[in-house]
Amino acid sequence: MKALGAVAVILIVLLAGGAITSNLLSSDLAIQQTTDPSGDFLTATPDQAVAFLLVTGFIIFNVLGAGLTLMIVFWLLNHGVAAVRQESAS
């Protein structure tokens, strides 16, 4: 019964997400980059390029920081477990 409830909740969340996405795509929330028919919408302005580099650097820095923090925590936990095992063995 719990599994059926979990599946129902997941389906409701997916349907709600699809409805929200559909609503956003049909509205005029998108930024128009250029009105020139021959303009390239894949070319970034200098401000957009700097913002992309800053956001990418921020994300990479945070992911590495979180990984290093977890590495230190697990190393300390392993060190403590090894010390307790060594005390109990002797």
Protein backbone atom coordinates (compact mmCIF):
# COMPACT_ATOMS: atom_id res chain seq x y z
CA MET A 1 0.00 0.00 0.00
CA LYS A 2 2.88 2.35 0.80
CA ALA A 3 4.48 1.63 -2.57
CA LEU A 4 1.24 2.49 -4.36
CA GLY A 5 1.03 5.76 -2.43
CA ALA A 6 4.64 6.60 -3.32
CA VAL A 7 3.97 5.92 -7.01
CA ALA A 8 0.85 8.10 -6.87
CA VAL A 9 2.79 10.98 -5.27
CA ILE A 10 5.57 10.68 -7.87
CA LEU A 11 3.01 10.73 -10.72
CA ILE A 12 1.27 13.79 -9.26
CA VAL A 13 4.60 15.62 -8.94
CA LEU A 14 5.53 14.72 -12.53
CA LEU A 15 2.16 15.87 -13.86
CA ALA A 16 2.38 19.14 -11.92
CA GLY A 17 5.89 19.74 -13.23
CA GLY A 18 4.77 19.10 -16.78
CA ALA A 19 1.84 21.49 -16.39
CA ILE A 20 4.10 24.21 -14.97
CA THR A 21 6.65 23.71 -17.76
CA SER A 22 3.94 23.82 -20.40
CA ASN A 23 2.55 27.02 -18.90
CA LEU A 24 5.98 28.67 -18.83
CA LEU A 25 6.72 27.75 -22.44
CA SER A 26 3.42 29.16 -23.68
CA SER A 27 3.84 32.50 -21.89
CA ASP A 28 6.11 35.35 -22.91
CA LEU A 29 8.67 34.96 -20.11
CA ALA A 30 11.54 34.20 -22.48
CA ILE A 31 14.09 36.93 -23.15
CA GLN A 32 14.29 37.91 -26.79
CA GLN A 33 17.97 38.07 -27.66
CA THR A 34 17.71 39.72 -31.07
CA THR A 35 15.08 41.01 -33.48
CA ASP A 36 17.41 40.79 -36.48
CA PRO A 37 16.35 37.83 -38.67
CA SER A 38 19.96 37.12 -39.58
CA GLY A 39 21.14 37.51 -35.98
CA ASP A 40 22.76 34.58 -34.18
CA PHE A 41 20.94 33.67 -30.98
CA LEU A 42 23.80 31.37 -29.95
CA THR A 43 26.28 34.23 -29.61
CA ALA A 44 26.65 35.47 -26.05
CA THR A 45 27.19 39.10 -25.16
CA PRO A 46 30.26 39.90 -23.03
CA ASP A 47 28.09 40.35 -19.94
CA GLN A 48 26.47 36.96 -20.49
CA ALA A 49 29.86 35.30 -20.97
CA VAL A 50 31.19 36.77 -17.72
CA ALA A 51 28.04 35.74 -15.86
CA PHE A 52 28.36 32.21 -17.24
CA LEU A 53 31.99 31.96 -16.15
CA LEU A 54 31.20 33.28 -12.67
CA VAL A 55 28.27 30.92 -12.15
CA THR A 56 30.23 27.95 -13.50
CA GLY A 57 33.20 28.75 -11.28
CA PHE A 58 30.92 29.17 -8.26
CA ILE A 59 29.25 25.80 -8.89
CA ILE A 60 32.55 23.97 -9.40
CA PHE A 61 34.03 25.57 -6.27
CA ASN A 62 31.01 24.53 -4.19
CA VAL A 63 30.95 20.97 -5.53
CA LEU A 64 34.65 20.55 -4.79
CA GLY A 65 34.20 22.08 -1.34
CA ALA A 66 31.33 19.75 -0.52
CA GLY A 67 33.35 16.76 -1.76
CA LEU A 68 36.37 17.72 0.31
CA THR A 69 34.19 18.27 3.38
CA LEU A 70 32.60 14.84 2.99
CA MET A 71 36.03 13.29 2.45
CA ILE A 72 37.31 14.78 5.70
CA VAL A 73 34.21 13.72 7.65
CA PHE A 74 34.38 10.13 6.37
CA TRP A 75 38.14 9.97 7.00
CA LEU A 76 37.63 11.12 10.60
CA LEU A 77 34.80 8.63 11.09
CA ASN A 78 36.94 5.83 9.67
CA HIS A 79 39.84 6.90 11.88
CA GLY A 80 37.59 6.75 14.95
CA VAL A 81 36.21 3.32 14.02
CA ALA A 82 39.72 1.98 13.43
CA ALA A 83 40.84 3.30 16.84
CA VAL A 84 37.89 1.64 18.59
CA ARG A 85 38.53 -1.65 16.80
CA GLN A 86 42.19 -1.51 17.77
CA GLU A 87 41.30 -0.84 21.45
CA SER A 88 38.78 -3.67 21.53
CA ALA A 89 41.23 -6.10 19.91
CA SER A 90 43.89 -5.51 22.60
